[in-house]
All heavy atoms as atom14 arrays in JSON, in Angstrom:
{
  "sequence": "KYKKLYKKLCSINNLALAFRKARKGKSKKFYV",
  "atom14_mask": [
    [1, 1, 1, 1, 1, 1, 1, 1, 1, 0, 0, 0, 0, 0],
    [1, 1, 1, 1, 1, 1, 1, 1, 1, 1, 1, 1, 0, 0],
    [1, 1, 1, 1, 1, 1, 1, 1, 1, 0, 0, 0, 0, 0],
    [1, 1, 1, 1, 1, 1, 1, 1, 1, 0, 0, 0, 0, 0],
    [1, 1, 1, 1, 1, 1, 1, 1, 0, 0, 0, 0, 0, 0],
    [1, 1, 1, 1, 1, 1, 1, 1, 1, 1, 1, 1, 0, 0],
    [1, 1, 1, 1, 1, 1, 1, 1, 1, 0, 0, 0, 0, 0],
    [1, 1, 1, 1, 1, 1, 1, 1, 1, 0, 0, 0, 0, 0],
    [1, 1, 1, 1, 1, 1, 1, 1, 0, 0, 0, 0, 0, 0],
    [1, 1, 1, 1, 1, 1, 0, 0, 0, 0, 0, 0, 0, 0],
    [1, 1, 1, 1, 1, 1, 0, 0, 0, 0, 0, 0, 0, 0],
    [1, 1, 1, 1, 1, 1, 1, 1, 0, 0, 0, 0, 0, 0],
    [1, 1, 1, 1, 1, 1, 1, 1, 0, 0, 0, 0, 0, 0],
    [1, 1, 1, 1, 1, 1, 1, 1, 0, 0, 0, 0, 0, 0],
    [1, 1, 1, 1, 1, 1, 1, 1, 0, 0, 0, 0, 0, 0],
    [1, 1, 1, 1, 1, 0, 0, 0, 0, 0, 0, 0, 0, 0],
    [1, 1, 1, 1, 1, 1, 1, 1, 0, 0, 0, 0, 0, 0],
    [1, 1, 1, 1, 1, 0, 0, 0, 0, 0, 0, 0, 0, 0],
    [1, 1, 1, 1, 1, 1, 1, 1, 1, 1, 1, 0, 0, 0],
    [1, 1, 1, 1, 1, 1, 1, 1, 1, 1, 1, 0, 0, 0],
    [1, 1, 1, 1, 1, 1, 1, 1, 1, 0, 0, 0, 0, 0],
    [1, 1, 1, 1, 1, 0, 0, 0, 0, 0, 0, 0, 0, 0],
    [1, 1, 1, 1, 1, 1, 1, 1, 1, 1, 1, 0, 0, 0],
    [1, 1, 1, 1, 1, 1, 1, 1, 1, 0, 0, 0, 0, 0],
    [1, 1, 1, 1, 0, 0, 0, 0, 0, 0, 0, 0, 0, 0],
    [1, 1, 1, 1, 1, 1, 1, 1, 1, 0, 0, 0, 0, 0],
    [1, 1, 1, 1, 1, 1, 0, 0, 0, 0, 0, 0, 0, 0],
    [1, 1, 1, 1, 1, 1, 1, 1, 1, 0, 0, 0, 0, 0],
    [1, 1, 1, 1, 1, 1, 1, 1, 1, 0, 0, 0, 0, 0],
    [1, 1, 1, 1, 1, 1, 1, 1, 1, 1, 1, 0, 0, 0],
    [1, 1, 1, 1, 1, 1, 1, 1, 1, 1, 1, 1, 0, 0],
    [1, 1, 1, 1, 1, 1, 1, 0, 0, 0, 0, 0, 0, 0]
  ],
  "atom14_positions": [
    [[0.87, -1.19, 0.01], [-0.02, 0.0, 0.04], [0.86, 1.21, 0.02], [1.92, 1.26, 0.67], [-0.89, -0.01, 1.26], [-2.27, -0.54, 1.05], [-3.2, -0.26, 2.12], [-4.53, -0.69, 1.92], [-5.56, -0.23, 2.94], [0.0, 0.0, 0.0], [0.0, 0.0, 0.0], [0.0, 0.0, 0.0], [0.0, 0.0, 0.0], [0.0, 0.0, 0.0]],
    [[0.45, 2.24, -0.76], [1.23, 3.43, -0.88], [0.53, 4.5, 0.01], [-0.63, 4.86, -0.19], [1.29, 3.91, -2.31], [2.09, 3.05, -3.2], [1.58, 1.83, -3.65], [3.46, 3.29, -3.47], [2.32, 0.99, -4.47], [4.25, 2.43, -4.28], [3.64, 1.3, -4.75], [4.41, 0.43, -5.56], [0.0, 0.0, 0.0], [0.0, 0.0, 0.0]],
    [[1.35, 5.08, 0.89], [0.81, 6.14, 1.81], [1.52, 7.41, 1.59], [2.47, 7.47, 0.84], [1.0, 5.71, 3.26], [0.25, 4.35, 3.56], [0.45, 3.95, 5.0], [-0.33, 2.63, 5.26], [-0.2, 2.2, 6.73], [0.0, 0.0, 0.0], [0.0, 0.0, 0.0], [0.0, 0.0, 0.0], [0.0, 0.0, 0.0], [0.0, 0.0, 0.0]],
    [[1.09, 8.52, 2.24], [1.65, 9.79, 2.12], [1.85, 10.29, 0.68], [2.94, 10.73, 0.3], [3.03, 9.78, 2.91], [2.95, 9.46, 4.37], [4.29, 9.56, 4.99], [4.19, 9.24, 6.52], [5.49, 9.32, 7.24], [0.0, 0.0, 0.0], [0.0, 0.0, 0.0], [0.0, 0.0, 0.0], [0.0, 0.0, 0.0], [0.0, 0.0, 0.0]],
    [[0.78, 10.17, -0.05], [0.82, 10.49, -1.44], [0.34, 11.97, -1.71], [0.6, 12.58, -2.67], [-0.03, 9.56, -2.31], [0.45, 8.07, -2.38], [-0.59, 7.23, -3.02], [1.77, 7.96, -3.09], [0.0, 0.0, 0.0], [0.0, 0.0, 0.0], [0.0, 0.0, 0.0], [0.0, 0.0, 0.0], [0.0, 0.0, 0.0], [0.0, 0.0, 0.0]],
    [[-0.54, 12.41, -0.77], [-1.29, 13.67, -1.02], [-0.41, 14.88, -1.12], [-0.64, 15.76, -1.96], [-2.34, 13.88, 0.12], [-3.41, 14.8, -0.29], [-4.31, 14.56, -1.31], [-3.52, 16.02, 0.41], [-5.32, 15.41, -1.66], [-4.5, 16.94, 0.04], [-5.46, 16.65, -0.97], [-6.39, 17.53, -1.31], [0.0, 0.0, 0.0], [0.0, 0.0, 0.0]],
    [[0.65, 14.94, -0.24], [1.51, 16.07, -0.33], [2.18, 16.17, -1.67], [2.32, 17.22, -2.24], [2.52, 15.98, 0.79], [3.43, 17.23, 0.9], [4.39, 17.08, 2.08], [5.29, 18.36, 2.17], [6.25, 18.22, 3.32], [0.0, 0.0, 0.0], [0.0, 0.0, 0.0], [0.0, 0.0, 0.0], [0.0, 0.0, 0.0], [0.0, 0.0, 0.0]],
    [[2.63, 15.03, -2.21], [3.26, 14.93, -3.5], [2.28, 15.33, -4.64], [2.6, 16.06, -5.6], [3.84, 13.6, -3.78], [4.64, 13.46, -5.11], [5.23, 12.0, -5.15], [5.99, 11.95, -6.48], [6.54, 10.57, -6.62], [0.0, 0.0, 0.0], [0.0, 0.0, 0.0], [0.0, 0.0, 0.0], [0.0, 0.0, 0.0], [0.0, 0.0, 0.0]],
    [[1.02, 14.9, -4.43], [-0.03, 15.21, -5.44], [-0.26, 16.69, -5.5], [-0.45, 17.23, -6.56], [-1.32, 14.43, -5.06], [-2.53, 14.42, -6.04], [-3.34, 13.23, -5.74], [-3.4, 15.7, -5.97], [0.0, 0.0, 0.0], [0.0, 0.0, 0.0], [0.0, 0.0, 0.0], [0.0, 0.0, 0.0], [0.0, 0.0, 0.0], [0.0, 0.0, 0.0]],
    [[-0.2, 17.38, -4.33], [-0.56, 18.77, -4.22], [0.64, 19.69, -4.48], [0.53, 20.9, -4.39], [-1.18, 19.11, -2.87], [-2.73, 18.3, -2.56], [0.0, 0.0, 0.0], [0.0, 0.0, 0.0], [0.0, 0.0, 0.0], [0.0, 0.0, 0.0], [0.0, 0.0, 0.0], [0.0, 0.0, 0.0], [0.0, 0.0, 0.0], [0.0, 0.0, 0.0]],
    [[1.83, 19.08, -4.77], [2.99, 19.91, -4.9], [2.85, 20.8, -6.13], [2.19, 20.46, -7.12], [4.25, 19.04, -5.02], [4.28, 18.28, -6.26], [0.0, 0.0, 0.0], [0.0, 0.0, 0.0], [0.0, 0.0, 0.0], [0.0, 0.0, 0.0], [0.0, 0.0, 0.0], [0.0, 0.0, 0.0], [0.0, 0.0, 0.0], [0.0, 0.0, 0.0]],
    [[3.58, 21.96, -6.09], [3.55, 22.83, -7.26], [4.06, 22.19, -8.41], [3.6, 22.36, -9.63], [4.23, 24.15, -6.92], [3.44, 25.03, -5.89], [4.51, 25.0, -8.17], [2.04, 25.45, -6.44], [0.0, 0.0, 0.0], [0.0, 0.0, 0.0], [0.0, 0.0, 0.0], [0.0, 0.0, 0.0], [0.0, 0.0, 0.0], [0.0, 0.0, 0.0]],
    [[5.11, 21.41, -8.29], [5.74, 20.68, -9.43], [4.7, 19.8, -10.11], [4.6, 19.76, -11.38], [6.98, 19.92, -9.01], [8.11, 20.77, -8.68], [8.22, 21.96, -9.18], [9.15, 20.24, -7.98], [0.0, 0.0, 0.0], [0.0, 0.0, 0.0], [0.0, 0.0, 0.0], [0.0, 0.0, 0.0], [0.0, 0.0, 0.0], [0.0, 0.0, 0.0]],
    [[3.98, 19.0, -9.3], [3.0, 18.1, -9.9], [1.88, 18.87, -10.52], [1.42, 18.49, -11.61], [2.43, 17.18, -8.84], [1.54, 16.09, -9.45], [1.88, 15.45, -10.43], [0.41, 15.88, -8.84], [0.0, 0.0, 0.0], [0.0, 0.0, 0.0], [0.0, 0.0, 0.0], [0.0, 0.0, 0.0], [0.0, 0.0, 0.0], [0.0, 0.0, 0.0]],
    [[1.36, 19.94, -9.92], [0.35, 20.71, -10.45], [0.72, 21.43, -11.77], [-0.04, 21.53, -12.72], [-0.18, 21.76, -9.42], [-0.86, 21.16, -8.23], [-1.29, 22.3, -7.28], [-2.06, 20.32, -8.63], [0.0, 0.0, 0.0], [0.0, 0.0, 0.0], [0.0, 0.0, 0.0], [0.0, 0.0, 0.0], [0.0, 0.0, 0.0], [0.0, 0.0, 0.0]],
    [[2.03, 21.89, -11.8], [2.56, 22.48, -13.06], [2.61, 21.45, -14.17], [2.32, 21.78, -15.32], [3.92, 23.1, -12.79], [0.0, 0.0, 0.0], [0.0, 0.0, 0.0], [0.0, 0.0, 0.0], [0.0, 0.0, 0.0], [0.0, 0.0, 0.0], [0.0, 0.0, 0.0], [0.0, 0.0, 0.0], [0.0, 0.0, 0.0], [0.0, 0.0, 0.0]],
    [[3.06, 20.22, -13.85], [3.04, 19.18, -14.84], [1.65, 18.87, -15.32], [1.44, 18.63, -16.43], [3.73, 17.93, -14.22], [3.72, 16.63, -15.11], [4.46, 16.93, -16.42], [4.28, 15.48, -14.33], [0.0, 0.0, 0.0], [0.0, 0.0, 0.0], [0.0, 0.0, 0.0], [0.0, 0.0, 0.0], [0.0, 0.0, 0.0], [0.0, 0.0, 0.0]],
    [[0.7, 18.84, -14.36], [-0.69, 18.51, -14.72], [-1.24, 19.58, -15.58], [-2.02, 19.32, -16.58], [-1.52, 18.4, -13.4], [0.0, 0.0, 0.0], [0.0, 0.0, 0.0], [0.0, 0.0, 0.0], [0.0, 0.0, 0.0], [0.0, 0.0, 0.0], [0.0, 0.0, 0.0], [0.0, 0.0, 0.0], [0.0, 0.0, 0.0], [0.0, 0.0, 0.0]],
    [[-0.86, 20.87, -15.29], [-1.28, 21.98, -16.22], [-0.75, 21.75, -17.61], [-1.53, 21.93, -18.61], [-0.79, 23.27, -15.63], [-0.81, 24.41, -16.62], [-2.05, 25.01, -16.98], [0.34, 24.84, -17.27], [-2.1, 26.03, -17.95], [0.32, 25.79, -18.22], [-0.97, 26.45, -18.55], [0.0, 0.0, 0.0], [0.0, 0.0, 0.0], [0.0, 0.0, 0.0]],
    [[0.48, 21.42, -17.78], [1.07, 21.25, -19.11], [0.39, 20.12, -19.93], [0.1, 20.16, -21.04], [2.5, 20.9, -19.02], [3.34, 22.15, -18.53], [4.84, 21.96, -18.76], [5.39, 20.9, -17.93], [5.85, 21.06, -16.73], [5.79, 22.28, -16.06], [6.38, 19.99, -16.03], [0.0, 0.0, 0.0], [0.0, 0.0, 0.0], [0.0, 0.0, 0.0]],
    [[-0.01, 19.05, -19.16], [-0.69, 17.93, -19.77], [-2.15, 18.38, -20.16], [-2.66, 17.95, -21.27], [-0.7, 16.75, -18.87], [0.64, 16.07, -18.66], [0.49, 14.81, -17.83], [1.86, 14.07, -17.8], [1.82, 12.87, -16.97], [0.0, 0.0, 0.0], [0.0, 0.0, 0.0], [0.0, 0.0, 0.0], [0.0, 0.0, 0.0], [0.0, 0.0, 0.0]],
    [[-2.84, 19.05, -19.29], [-4.2, 19.53, -19.61], [-4.22, 20.5, -20.69], [-5.21, 20.57, -21.46], [-4.81, 20.12, -18.28], [0.0, 0.0, 0.0], [0.0, 0.0, 0.0], [0.0, 0.0, 0.0], [0.0, 0.0, 0.0], [0.0, 0.0, 0.0], [0.0, 0.0, 0.0], [0.0, 0.0, 0.0], [0.0, 0.0, 0.0], [0.0, 0.0, 0.0]],
    [[-3.17, 21.3, -20.84], [-3.06, 22.25, -21.86], [-2.82, 21.76, -23.24], [-3.07, 22.33, -24.35], [-1.89, 23.23, -21.59], [-1.77, 24.4, -22.56], [-0.5, 25.23, -22.22], [0.68, 24.49, -22.27], [1.95, 24.93, -21.98], [2.04, 26.21, -21.68], [2.94, 24.15, -22.04], [0.0, 0.0, 0.0], [0.0, 0.0, 0.0], [0.0, 0.0, 0.0]],
    [[-2.2, 20.54, -23.3], [-1.78, 19.92, -24.56], [-2.92, 19.85, -25.62], [-3.96, 19.34, -25.35], [-1.29, 18.52, -24.33], [-0.55, 17.9, -25.53], [0.03, 16.55, -25.2], [0.83, 15.99, -26.38], [1.45, 14.67, -26.08], [0.0, 0.0, 0.0], [0.0, 0.0, 0.0], [0.0, 0.0, 0.0], [0.0, 0.0, 0.0], [0.0, 0.0, 0.0]],
    [[-2.62, 20.48, -26.79], [-3.61, 20.56, -27.86], [-4.69, 21.56, -27.68], [-5.53, 21.73, -28.52], [0.0, 0.0, 0.0], [0.0, 0.0, 0.0], [0.0, 0.0, 0.0], [0.0, 0.0, 0.0], [0.0, 0.0, 0.0], [0.0, 0.0, 0.0], [0.0, 0.0, 0.0], [0.0, 0.0, 0.0], [0.0, 0.0, 0.0], [0.0, 0.0, 0.0]],
    [[-4.54, 22.38, -26.61], [-5.63, 23.39, -26.27], [-4.95, 24.74, -25.89], [-5.65, 25.54, -25.27], [-6.53, 22.95, -25.19], [-7.34, 21.7, -25.52], [-8.13, 21.16, -24.38], [-9.06, 20.07, -24.76], [-8.33, 18.86, -25.21], [0.0, 0.0, 0.0], [0.0, 0.0, 0.0], [0.0, 0.0, 0.0], [0.0, 0.0, 0.0], [0.0, 0.0, 0.0]],
    [[-3.73, 24.93, -26.27], [-3.0, 26.15, -25.86], [-3.53, 27.41, -26.44], [-3.35, 28.47, -25.82], [-1.57, 26.0, -26.29], [-1.43, 25.87, -27.72], [0.0, 0.0, 0.0], [0.0, 0.0, 0.0], [0.0, 0.0, 0.0], [0.0, 0.0, 0.0], [0.0, 0.0, 0.0], [0.0, 0.0, 0.0], [0.0, 0.0, 0.0], [0.0, 0.0, 0.0]],
    [[-4.4, 27.34, -27.51], [-5.02, 28.55, -28.06], [-6.39, 28.82, -27.52], [-7.01, 29.8, -27.91], [-5.09, 28.42, -29.54], [-3.61, 28.39, -30.24], [-3.7, 28.35, -31.78], [-2.28, 28.3, -32.34], [-2.38, 28.24, -33.87], [0.0, 0.0, 0.0], [0.0, 0.0, 0.0], [0.0, 0.0, 0.0], [0.0, 0.0, 0.0], [0.0, 0.0, 0.0]],
    [[-6.89, 27.93, -26.62], [-8.25, 28.17, -26.05], [-8.15, 29.37, -25.1], [-7.16, 29.47, -24.39], [-8.66, 26.92, -25.31], [-8.85, 25.69, -26.22], [-10.16, 25.83, -27.05], [-10.38, 24.47, -27.86], [-11.6, 24.67, -28.66], [0.0, 0.0, 0.0], [0.0, 0.0, 0.0], [0.0, 0.0, 0.0], [0.0, 0.0, 0.0], [0.0, 0.0, 0.0]],
    [[-9.21, 30.08, -25.07], [-9.21, 31.38, -24.28], [-8.99, 31.05, -22.76], [-8.29, 31.79, -22.05], [-10.46, 32.18, -24.45], [-11.7, 31.63, -23.77], [-12.04, 32.16, -22.52], [-12.47, 30.65, -24.38], [-13.12, 31.6, -21.81], [-13.61, 30.17, -23.7], [-13.88, 30.68, -22.42], [0.0, 0.0, 0.0], [0.0, 0.0, 0.0], [0.0, 0.0, 0.0]],
    [[-9.59, 29.95, -22.31], [-9.52, 29.69, -20.88], [-8.11, 29.23, -20.45], [-7.69, 29.36, -19.37], [-10.52, 28.58, -20.45], [-10.58, 27.34, -21.26], [-9.62, 26.32, -21.09], [-11.52, 27.13, -22.27], [-9.64, 25.19, -21.78], [-11.5, 25.98, -23.01], [-10.62, 25.03, -22.73], [-10.61, 23.78, -23.51], [0.0, 0.0, 0.0], [0.0, 0.0, 0.0]],
    [[-7.39, 28.61, -21.43], [-6.02, 28.2, -21.16], [-5.09, 29.47, -21.13], [-4.27, 29.65, -20.23], [-5.46, 27.24, -22.23], [-3.99, 26.9, -21.96], [-6.33, 25.97, -22.21], [0.0, 0.0, 0.0], [0.0, 0.0, 0.0], [0.0, 0.0, 0.0], [0.0, 0.0, 0.0], [0.0, 0.0, 0.0], [0.0, 0.0, 0.0], [0.0, 0.0, 0.0]]
  ]
}
């Protein structure tokens, strides 16, 4: 079992990576 994952999930580095993945193919959308 994997514990103590939430802090890593909420890290700025992970959120920035998540942003880049969510932006992929949609960089010209106004909300992006």
